[in-house]
């Protein structure tokens, strides 16, 4: 299938939503913030992000996703790599 995302890419798409909304570690996003993530990729992305310890699910509300310190560090690392590739020489 053309354009299908891998599980890792779907997880990074979930993580990028936290970056777009500038969520700090332990910050929360509800499910409706992920409208840019395709429905078919959403659950796979959530599962991969949880597996990578980038996010956790709220204990009492399944529609709340919490950014972990590890996820925040992964966001920062991706930003630094992006800055290095874009910076003029």
C-alpha atoms as a PDB file:
ATOM      1  CA  UNK A   1       0.000   0.000   0.000  1.00  0.00           C
ATOM      2  CA  UNK A   2       1.545   3.281  -1.101  1.00  0.00           C
ATOM      3  CA  UNK A   3       2.096   5.848   1.625  1.00  0.00           C
ATOM      4  CA  UNK A   4       1.537   3.453   4.526  1.00  0.00           C
ATOM      5  CA  UNK A   5       3.474   4.391   7.640  1.00  0.00           C
ATOM      6  CA  UNK A   6       5.533   1.964   9.650  1.00  0.00           C
ATOM      7  CA  UNK A   7       4.684   1.596  13.326  1.00  0.00           C
ATOM      8  CA  UNK A   8       7.768   3.668  14.205  1.00  0.00           C
ATOM      9  CA  UNK A   9       6.686   6.478  11.866  1.00  0.00           C
ATOM     10  CA  UNK A  10       3.168   6.396  13.301  1.00  0.00           C
ATOM     11  CA  UNK A  11       4.653   6.686  16.812  1.00  0.00           C
ATOM     12  CA  UNK A  12       6.768   9.639  15.730  1.00  0.00           C
ATOM     13  CA  UNK A  13       3.654  11.259  14.291  1.00  0.00           C
ATOM     14  CA  UNK A  14       2.018  10.958  17.728  1.00  0.00           C
ATOM     15  CA  UNK A  15       5.143  12.428  19.320  1.00  0.00           C
ATOM     16  CA  UNK A  16       5.205  15.307  16.813  1.00  0.00           C
ATOM     17  CA  UNK A  17       1.680  16.257  17.890  1.00  0.00           C
ATOM     18  CA  UNK A  18       3.018  16.878  21.401  1.00  0.00           C
ATOM     19  CA  UNK A  19       5.777  19.032  19.877  1.00  0.00           C
ATOM     20  CA  UNK A  20       3.311  21.001  17.748  1.00  0.00           C
ATOM     21  CA  UNK A  21       1.303  21.878  20.866  1.00  0.00           C
ATOM     22  CA  UNK A  22       4.510  22.557  22.888  1.00  0.00           C
ATOM     23  CA  UNK A  23       3.608  20.170  25.670  1.00  0.00           C
ATOM     24  CA  UNK A  24       6.149  19.904  28.545  1.00  0.00           C
ATOM     25  CA  UNK A  25       7.057  16.603  30.226  1.00  0.00           C
ATOM     26  CA  UNK A  26       4.101  15.180  32.171  1.00  0.00           C
ATOM     27  CA  UNK A  27       1.817  17.328  30.012  1.00  0.00           C
ATOM     28  CA  UNK A  28      -1.455  15.930  28.720  1.00  0.00           C
ATOM     29  CA  UNK A  29      -3.131  15.894  25.329  1.00  0.00           C
ATOM     30  CA  UNK A  30      -6.603  14.520  24.750  1.00  0.00           C
ATOM     31  CA  UNK A  31      -7.447  12.335  21.793  1.00  0.00           C
ATOM     32  CA  UNK A  32      -9.081  15.165  19.834  1.00  0.00           C
ATOM     33  CA  UNK A  33      -5.676  16.884  19.497  1.00  0.00           C
ATOM     34  CA  UNK A  34      -4.512  14.101  17.185  1.00  0.00           C
ATOM     35  CA  UNK A  35      -6.871  14.902  14.312  1.00  0.00           C
ATOM     36  CA  UNK A  36      -3.889  15.249  11.933  1.00  0.00           C
ATOM     37  CA  UNK A  37      -3.000  11.574  12.497  1.00  0.00           C
ATOM     38  CA  UNK A  38      -4.856   9.271  10.129  1.00  0.00           C
ATOM     39  CA  UNK A  39      -7.340   6.976  11.888  1.00  0.00           C
ATOM     40  CA  UNK A  40      -5.602   3.861  10.580  1.00  0.00           C
ATOM     41  CA  UNK A  41      -2.281   5.024  12.026  1.00  0.00           C
ATOM     42  CA  UNK A  42      -3.541   6.447  15.312  1.00  0.00           C
ATOM     43  CA  UNK A  43      -3.777   3.284  17.425  1.00  0.00           C
ATOM     44  CA  UNK A  44      -0.563   1.826  15.990  1.00  0.00           C
ATOM     45  CA  UNK A  45       1.178   5.121  16.758  1.00  0.00           C
ATOM     46  CA  UNK A  46      -0.156   5.232  20.311  1.00  0.00           C
ATOM     47  CA  UNK A  47       0.931   1.632  20.873  1.00  0.00           C
ATOM     48  CA  UNK A  48       4.444   2.310  19.525  1.00  0.00           C
ATOM     49  CA  UNK A  49       4.797   5.522  21.550  1.00  0.00           C
ATOM     50  CA  UNK A  50       3.809   3.607  24.702  1.00  0.00           C
ATOM     51  CA  UNK A  51       6.195   0.785  23.809  1.00  0.00           C
ATOM     52  CA  UNK A  52       9.032   3.324  23.355  1.00  0.00           C
ATOM     53  CA  UNK A  53       8.065   4.927  26.699  1.00  0.00           C
ATOM     54  CA  UNK A  54       7.381   8.266  24.981  1.00  0.00           C
ATOM     55  CA  UNK A  55       3.865   8.545  26.384  1.00  0.00           C
ATOM     56  CA  UNK A  56       1.679   6.887  28.987  1.00  0.00           C
ATOM     57  CA  UNK A  57      -2.068   6.600  29.200  1.00  0.00           C
ATOM     58  CA  UNK A  58      -3.966   8.288  32.001  1.00  0.00           C
ATOM     59  CA  UNK A  59      -5.132   5.705  34.547  1.00  0.00           C
ATOM     60  CA  UNK A  60      -8.783   6.774  34.646  1.00  0.00           C
ATOM     61  CA  UNK A  61      -9.318   8.465  31.267  1.00  0.00           C
ATOM     62  CA  UNK A  62      -8.349   6.476  28.180  1.00  0.00           C
ATOM     63  CA  UNK A  63      -8.596   9.571  25.986  1.00  0.00           C
ATOM     64  CA  UNK A  64      -5.742  11.387  27.799  1.00  0.00           C
ATOM     65  CA  UNK A  65      -2.139  10.811  26.760  1.00  0.00           C
ATOM     66  CA  UNK A  66       0.742  11.969  28.959  1.00  0.00           C
ATOM     67  CA  UNK A  67       4.171  12.890  27.573  1.00  0.00           C
ATOM     68  CA  UNK A  68       7.003  11.247  29.524  1.00  0.00           C
ATOM     69  CA  UNK A  69      10.505  12.574  30.166  1.00  0.00           C
ATOM     70  CA  UNK A  70      11.791  10.032  27.632  1.00  0.00           C
ATOM     71  CA  UNK A  71       9.341  11.311  25.030  1.00  0.00           C
ATOM     72  CA  UNK A  72      10.338  14.900  25.713  1.00  0.00           C
ATOM     73  CA  UNK A  73      14.012  13.978  25.342  1.00  0.00           C
ATOM     74  CA  UNK A  74      13.235  12.257  22.025  1.00  0.00           C
ATOM     75  CA  UNK A  75      11.492  15.441  20.855  1.00  0.00           C
ATOM     76  CA  UNK A  76      14.469  17.572  21.854  1.00  0.00           C
ATOM     77  CA  UNK A  77      16.882  15.212  20.113  1.00  0.00           C
ATOM     78  CA  UNK A  78      14.801  15.296  16.926  1.00  0.00           C
ATOM     79  CA  UNK A  79      14.734  19.122  17.064  1.00  0.00           C
ATOM     80  CA  UNK A  80      18.517  19.273  17.462  1.00  0.00           C
ATOM     81  CA  UNK A  81      19.029  16.897  14.532  1.00  0.00           C
ATOM     82  CA  UNK A  82      16.616  18.931  12.445  1.00  0.00           C
ATOM     83  CA  UNK A  83      18.483  22.142  13.314  1.00  0.00           C
ATOM     84  CA  UNK A  84      21.780  20.564  12.305  1.00  0.00           C
ATOM     85  CA  UNK A  85      20.488  19.478   8.895  1.00  0.00           C
ATOM     86  CA  UNK A  86      18.870  22.840   8.123  1.00  0.00           C
ATOM     87  CA  UNK A  87      21.595  25.163   9.458  1.00  0.00           C
ATOM     88  CA  UNK A  88      23.523  26.974   6.697  1.00  0.00           C
ATOM     89  CA  UNK A  89      27.274  26.515   6.531  1.00  0.00           C
END
